[in-house]
Amino acid sequence: MKAAQIVAPRQFEVIDIGVPDISSEPKGAVLIKARLSAVCGTDMPYFAMEHPAADYPFTPGLSIHECIGTIAASKSDRFKEGDAVLALPNEMRGLSDYFLSHEDVTVSLQKFNRGDCILMSQPLGTVIWACRKLGNLLHQHVVIVGQGPMGLLMAHMLSNLGAKTIIATDLLDYRLAVSKQMRATHIINASKEDAVARVAELTHGKMADLVVEAVGHQTETINDCLNLVKPGGTVLAFGVPDDDVYDFHFGGFFHKNVRFIASVGPDVQNDFPLAMDMISQGRIDVSPIITHNLPFTEVQRAFELSLYKKDGAIKITLEYN
């Protein structure tokens, strides 16, 4: 089978390796023939960051975790050969024709006319998991910092949940244009205007009830969120960190009585099926965020498009034979 392998910083090679052997895997294991996968910002550090030379080449298949496919072999009582599923690959090793998973992180795939859209149930499921922590959002002013795929999905979800004002901020105009399609009520290019002043204007000085940090992979924007949230408001840390320690403005956080919530991962068996319901029933249209569909063998191009924001890239999917 074909698998992608990171052999140097920002460099993939597509190699031939054997199909994973399920015989020694525990009960509940499944072997999945990949159909579609998608590049996520969480995958990017393996590709983009400089790791020690001795670490290369990485394990084949790193790093993809948003995958749909068909059960090729099963040690599960819940899934049989031929079942269409969405599954999280073991150790995020989804960049291959076949990958191993487990029934605990696998759900049956609903039928939908676009596979790339139903694949978005995985990232949307993580948004649902985060929103379950927030409580009532009716009539609230919301700011979402970052309009990559996750920030865009968050905008649509918060609209569905009744937020009064959804203010999306980003540095790239083409992503902000998609924000309007994903139901943001207002957009701010933070490289061109003062986001704090603009949010104050839009909320009549109240500032945001909820601010979502959806950028991650750096340490600055979490403090921007503290400047955008009202006293007694909530900051949701949703963007994935690369750093363990932040220069966090604790004084501002403390004196504003801010509620701080972190969210990573989904409740697979509840949140992925609900996400599929929302997509298949037309309650959330994820199609505006999907900008590129490429063959799996063009994985190098896919990651470069995502990393460097080339060619209007937002969400990139990979198709397997």
Protein backbone atom coordinates (compact mmCIF):
# COMPACT_ATOMS: atom_id res chain seq x y z
CA MET A 1 0.00 0.00 0.00
CA LYS A 2 0.98 3.64 -0.35
CA ALA A 3 1.76 5.75 2.71
CA ALA A 4 3.10 9.26 3.18
CA GLN A 5 6.16 9.75 5.35
CA ILE A 6 7.76 12.95 6.65
CA VAL A 7 11.45 12.51 5.84
CA ALA A 8 12.70 16.02 6.66
CA PRO A 9 11.23 19.34 7.81
CA ARG A 10 8.38 20.23 5.44
CA GLN A 11 9.09 17.30 3.17
CA PHE A 12 6.90 14.25 2.46
CA GLU A 13 7.68 11.17 0.43
CA VAL A 14 5.08 8.65 -0.71
CA ILE A 15 6.41 5.15 -0.04
CA ASP A 16 5.28 1.53 -0.37
CA ILE A 17 4.78 -0.42 2.87
CA GLY A 18 2.79 -3.46 3.97
CA VAL A 19 -0.87 -3.30 4.95
CA PRO A 20 -1.17 -3.17 8.78
CA ASP A 21 -1.69 -6.56 10.42
CA ILE A 22 -4.83 -6.60 12.54
CA SER A 23 -4.23 -10.10 13.93
CA SER A 24 -2.17 -8.92 16.90
CA GLU A 25 -4.42 -5.94 17.68
CA PRO A 26 -6.80 -6.03 20.69
CA LYS A 27 -10.49 -6.84 20.55
CA GLY A 28 -12.42 -3.94 19.04
CA ALA A 29 -9.72 -3.15 16.49
CA VAL A 30 -10.67 -2.36 12.90
CA LEU A 31 -8.65 -2.06 9.72
CA ILE A 32 -9.96 0.66 7.42
CA LYS A 33 -9.40 1.22 3.71
CA ALA A 34 -9.15 4.98 3.38
CA ARG A 35 -11.52 6.89 1.13
CA LEU A 36 -11.01 10.54 2.08
CA SER A 37 -9.00 12.45 4.67
CA ALA A 38 -8.47 16.12 5.44
CA VAL A 39 -5.56 18.27 6.57
CA CYS A 40 -6.01 19.88 9.99
CA GLY A 41 -3.93 22.53 11.75
CA THR A 42 -3.26 19.94 14.46
CA ASP A 43 -1.32 17.91 11.89
CA MET A 44 0.88 20.80 10.88
CA PRO A 45 3.56 20.76 13.65
CA TYR A 46 4.82 17.35 12.50
CA PHE A 47 5.31 18.76 9.02
CA ALA A 48 6.27 22.37 9.67
CA MET A 49 8.36 22.41 12.83
CA GLU A 50 12.09 21.68 12.99
CA HIS A 51 12.56 18.40 14.85
CA PRO A 52 15.91 16.81 15.81
CA ALA A 53 17.58 15.24 12.79
CA ALA A 54 17.60 11.85 14.51
CA ASP A 55 13.77 11.86 14.58
CA TYR A 56 13.56 11.63 10.79
CA PRO A 57 12.06 9.88 8.98
CA PHE A 58 8.85 9.86 11.01
CA THR A 59 6.59 6.84 11.30
CA PRO A 60 4.74 6.35 8.00
CA GLY A 61 1.24 7.77 8.05
CA LEU A 62 1.89 10.74 10.32
CA SER A 63 -0.06 12.94 10.53
CA ILE A 64 -3.75 12.83 9.63
CA HIS A 65 -6.71 12.14 11.91
CA GLU A 66 -9.77 13.27 9.91
CA CYS A 67 -10.65 10.16 7.90
CA ILE A 68 -13.51 8.22 6.37
CA GLY A 69 -13.31 4.84 4.71
CA THR A 70 -14.54 1.25 4.60
CA ILE A 71 -13.91 -1.55 7.10
CA ALA A 72 -11.46 -4.01 5.49
CA ALA A 73 -11.07 -6.30 8.53
CA SER A 74 -12.65 -6.28 11.96
CA LYS A 75 -12.17 -7.61 15.48
CA SER A 76 -15.21 -5.62 16.59
CA ASP A 77 -18.70 -6.86 17.39
CA ARG A 78 -20.10 -3.52 16.15
CA PHE A 79 -18.50 -3.27 12.71
CA LYS A 80 -18.15 -5.74 9.86
CA GLU A 81 -16.24 -5.76 6.59
CA GLY A 82 -17.72 -3.34 4.08
CA ASP A 83 -19.16 -0.89 6.63
CA ALA A 84 -18.63 2.78 5.77
CA VAL A 85 -17.21 4.62 8.77
CA LEU A 86 -15.62 7.76 10.11
CA ALA A 87 -12.70 6.85 12.39
CA LEU A 88 -9.73 8.29 14.22
CA PRO A 89 -6.55 6.47 13.13
CA ASN A 90 -4.29 4.99 15.76
CA GLU A 91 -1.57 7.52 16.68
CA MET A 92 -2.86 9.94 14.01
CA ARG A 93 -1.37 7.70 11.30
CA GLY A 94 -4.05 8.26 8.67
CA LEU A 95 -1.86 9.19 5.70
CA SER A 96 -2.01 5.77 4.08
CA ASP A 97 -4.23 3.56 1.95
CA TYR A 98 -5.13 1.49 5.03
CA PHE A 99 -5.01 2.40 8.71
CA LEU A 100 -5.83 0.84 12.06
CA SER A 101 -8.44 2.21 14.42
CA HIS A 102 -10.70 0.98 17.23
CA GLU A 103 -14.46 0.72 17.64
CA ASP A 104 -14.35 3.26 20.49
CA VAL A 105 -13.30 6.01 18.07
CA THR A 106 -15.22 4.77 15.02
CA VAL A 107 -18.80 5.62 14.00
CA SER A 108 -21.00 4.51 11.14
CA LEU A 109 -21.04 6.91 8.22
CA GLN A 110 -24.32 8.46 7.18
CA LYS A 111 -25.11 8.62 3.48
CA PHE A 112 -24.62 12.03 1.91
CA ASN A 113 -24.14 13.21 -1.64
CA ARG A 114 -20.69 14.66 -0.89
CA GLY A 115 -18.10 12.60 0.92
CA ASP A 116 -15.89 15.61 1.56
CA CYS A 117 -18.76 17.34 3.37
CA ILE A 118 -19.66 14.38 5.59
CA LEU A 119 -15.94 14.08 6.41
CA MET A 120 -16.27 17.49 8.07
CA SER A 121 -18.26 15.73 10.81
CA GLN A 122 -14.90 15.10 12.47
CA PRO A 123 -13.85 18.75 12.95
CA LEU A 124 -17.47 19.80 13.51
CA GLY A 125 -17.70 17.18 16.25
CA THR A 126 -14.88 18.90 18.13
CA VAL A 127 -16.77 22.21 17.82
CA ILE A 128 -19.89 20.55 19.24
CA TRP A 129 -17.86 19.19 22.16
CA ALA A 130 -16.58 22.70 22.93
CA CYS A 131 -20.01 24.29 22.66
CA ARG A 132 -21.45 21.78 25.10
CA LYS A 133 -19.32 23.50 27.76
CA LEU A 134 -20.66 27.00 27.13
CA GLY A 135 -24.25 27.00 28.33
CA ASN A 136 -26.92 29.35 26.97
CA LEU A 137 -25.70 31.62 24.16
CA LEU A 138 -28.95 33.38 23.28
CA HIS A 139 -28.56 37.14 22.81
CA GLN A 140 -24.81 37.01 23.44
CA HIS A 141 -22.09 38.98 21.66
CA VAL A 142 -19.43 36.56 20.42
CA VAL A 143 -15.98 37.15 18.95
CA ILE A 144 -14.09 34.37 17.16
CA VAL A 145 -10.38 35.06 16.79
CA GLY A 146 -9.15 33.14 13.76
CA GLN A 147 -11.11 32.10 10.68
CA GLY A 148 -9.40 28.94 9.62
CA PRO A 149 -11.59 25.85 9.20
CA MET A 150 -12.30 25.53 12.93
CA GLY A 151 -13.12 29.19 13.44
CA LEU A 152 -15.45 29.09 10.46
CA LEU A 153 -17.27 26.01 11.74
CA MET A 154 -17.50 27.67 15.15
CA ALA A 155 -19.14 30.74 13.61
CA HIS A 156 -21.88 28.64 12.00
CA MET A 157 -22.44 26.61 15.16
CA LEU A 158 -22.71 29.67 17.41
CA SER A 159 -25.20 31.17 14.97
CA ASN A 160 -27.28 27.99 15.23
CA LEU A 161 -27.13 28.25 19.02
CA GLY A 162 -28.63 31.74 19.04
CA ALA A 163 -25.73 34.16 19.51
CA LYS A 164 -26.92 37.69 18.72
CA THR A 165 -23.68 39.01 17.24
CA ILE A 166 -20.91 36.86 15.74
CA ILE A 167 -17.80 38.91 15.08
CA ALA A 168 -15.07 37.07 13.15
CA THR A 169 -11.49 38.32 13.13
CA ASP A 170 -8.61 37.18 10.94
CA LEU A 171 -5.63 38.57 9.05
CA LEU A 172 -6.69 37.31 5.61
CA ASP A 173 -9.52 38.88 3.63
CA TYR A 174 -10.30 35.74 1.64
CA ARG A 175 -11.03 33.79 4.83
CA LEU A 176 -13.14 36.64 6.18
CA ALA A 177 -15.19 36.55 3.00
CA VAL A 178 -16.04 32.93 3.77
CA SER A 179 -16.92 33.98 7.34
CA LYS A 180 -19.97 35.76 5.99
CA GLN A 181 -21.06 32.52 4.29
CA MET A 182 -20.62 30.74 7.64
CA ARG A 183 -23.00 33.21 9.29
CA ALA A 184 -20.65 35.72 10.89
CA THR A 185 -22.59 38.95 11.34
CA HIS A 186 -19.48 41.16 11.26
CA ILE A 187 -15.87 40.68 10.12
CA ILE A 188 -12.67 42.41 11.21
CA ASN A 189 -9.29 42.21 9.49
CA ALA A 190 -7.08 42.64 12.56
CA SER A 191 -4.10 43.59 10.39
CA LYS A 192 -5.98 46.63 9.07
CA GLU A 193 -8.10 47.89 11.96
CA ASP A 194 -8.14 47.95 15.75
CA ALA A 195 -10.13 44.89 16.75
CA VAL A 196 -10.70 46.07 20.33
CA ALA A 197 -12.06 49.42 19.22
CA ARG A 198 -14.25 47.81 16.57
CA VAL A 199 -15.70 45.26 18.99
CA ALA A 200 -16.39 48.05 21.48
CA GLU A 201 -18.25 49.91 18.74
CA LEU A 202 -20.27 46.87 17.67
CA THR A 203 -21.25 45.95 21.23
CA HIS A 204 -21.95 49.55 22.34
CA GLY A 205 -19.05 49.41 24.78
CA LYS A 206 -20.07 46.16 26.45
CA MET A 207 -17.43 43.99 24.72
CA ALA A 208 -17.94 40.29 24.06
CA ASP A 209 -19.78 37.86 26.30
CA LEU A 210 -17.73 35.06 24.73
CA VAL A 211 -14.39 35.15 22.91
CA VAL A 212 -13.15 32.02 21.13
CA GLU A 213 -9.43 31.65 20.47
CA ALA A 214 -9.39 29.51 17.30
CA VAL A 215 -5.87 30.22 16.03
CA GLY A 216 -3.49 28.21 18.21
CA HIS A 217 0.13 27.36 17.38
CA GLN A 218 1.41 30.64 18.90
CA THR A 219 1.09 32.44 22.26
CA GLU A 220 -0.06 35.97 21.45
CA THR A 221 -3.75 35.77 20.58
CA ILE A 222 -4.92 34.41 23.94
CA ASN A 223 -4.05 37.80 25.45
CA ASP A 224 -5.90 39.55 22.63
CA CYS A 225 -8.96 37.57 23.73
CA LEU A 226 -8.65 39.00 27.25
CA ASN A 227 -8.83 42.50 25.75
CA LEU A 228 -11.96 41.61 23.76
CA VAL A 229 -14.00 39.95 26.51
CA LYS A 230 -16.24 41.84 28.90
CA PRO A 231 -15.87 41.68 32.71
CA GLY A 232 -17.41 38.40 33.82
CA GLY A 233 -17.29 37.03 30.27
CA THR A 234 -15.88 33.77 28.93
CA VAL A 235 -12.77 32.93 26.92
CA LEU A 236 -12.77 29.56 25.14
CA ALA A 237 -9.27 28.26 24.34
CA PHE A 238 -9.92 26.16 21.25
CA GLY A 239 -6.78 26.62 19.12
CA VAL A 240 -4.21 23.88 19.73
CA PRO A 241 -1.03 25.07 21.54
CA ASP A 242 2.50 24.19 20.47
CA ASP A 243 3.95 25.68 23.69
CA ASP A 244 3.46 24.37 27.22
CA VAL A 245 4.02 27.76 28.89
CA TYR A 246 2.38 31.06 27.83
CA ASP A 247 3.15 34.67 28.74
CA PHE A 248 -0.42 35.00 30.00
CA HIS A 249 -1.78 38.34 31.23
CA PHE A 250 -3.01 36.88 34.48
CA GLY A 251 -3.78 40.25 36.08
CA GLY A 252 -6.26 41.16 33.37
CA PHE A 253 -7.81 37.73 33.52
CA PHE A 254 -8.12 37.89 37.32
CA HIS A 255 -9.47 41.41 37.71
CA LYS A 256 -12.06 40.98 34.94
CA ASN A 257 -13.46 37.83 36.62
CA VAL A 258 -13.12 35.98 33.32
CA ARG A 259 -14.23 32.38 33.00
CA PHE A 260 -11.58 30.43 31.08
CA ILE A 261 -12.47 27.17 29.34
CA ALA A 262 -10.21 24.81 27.40
CA SER A 263 -11.51 22.31 24.88
CA VAL A 264 -9.77 19.60 22.89
CA GLY A 265 -11.15 16.48 21.27
CA PRO A 266 -14.74 15.23 20.99
CA ASP A 267 -16.97 12.71 22.69
CA VAL A 268 -16.72 10.50 19.61
CA GLN A 269 -19.84 8.38 20.02
CA ASN A 270 -22.08 11.38 20.68
CA ASP A 271 -20.55 14.36 18.90
CA PHE A 272 -19.59 12.82 15.55
CA PRO A 273 -23.09 11.40 14.91
CA LEU A 274 -24.69 14.72 15.86
CA ALA A 275 -22.33 16.52 13.50
CA MET A 276 -23.35 14.11 10.72
CA ASP A 277 -27.00 14.81 11.48
CA MET A 278 -26.43 18.55 11.20
CA ILE A 279 -24.61 18.22 7.88
CA SER A 280 -26.86 15.62 6.27
CA GLN A 281 -30.03 17.45 7.35
CA GLY A 282 -28.78 20.77 6.00
CA ARG A 283 -28.60 22.50 9.37
CA ILE A 284 -24.95 23.37 8.78
CA ASP A 285 -23.51 23.89 5.29
CA VAL A 286 -19.82 23.03 5.51
CA SER A 287 -19.15 23.29 1.77
CA PRO A 288 -17.83 26.90 1.80
CA ILE A 289 -14.78 25.90 3.85
CA ILE A 290 -13.69 23.09 1.48
CA THR A 291 -11.43 24.73 -1.08
CA HIS A 292 -9.30 21.90 -2.48
CA ASN A 293 -9.76 18.19 -3.23
CA LEU A 294 -6.46 16.53 -4.17
CA PRO A 295 -5.23 12.98 -4.82
CA PHE A 296 -3.50 11.48 -1.79
CA THR A 297 -0.26 11.33 -3.78
CA GLU A 298 -0.23 15.16 -3.78
CA VAL A 299 0.11 15.26 0.02
CA GLN A 300 3.17 17.54 -0.22
CA ARG A 301 1.19 20.14 -2.13
CA ALA A 302 -1.74 19.80 0.26
CA PHE A 303 0.34 20.55 3.34
CA GLU A 304 2.16 23.42 1.63
CA LEU A 305 -1.14 24.99 0.58
CA SER A 306 -2.41 24.71 4.14
CA LEU A 307 0.76 25.96 5.80
CA TYR A 308 1.44 28.92 3.49
CA LYS A 309 -2.24 29.82 2.87
CA LYS A 310 -1.72 29.57 -0.89
CA ASP A 311 -4.39 29.64 -3.59
CA GLY A 312 -7.17 30.62 -1.18
CA ALA A 313 -6.69 27.40 0.78
CA ILE A 314 -8.90 26.77 3.80
CA LYS A 315 -9.82 23.09 4.11
CA ILE A 316 -8.01 20.57 1.91
CA THR A 317 -9.16 16.99 1.44
CA LEU A 318 -7.19 14.04 0.07
CA GLU A 319 -8.74 11.26 -2.00
CA TYR A 320 -7.44 7.67 -1.98
CA ASN A 321 -7.78 5.07 -4.73
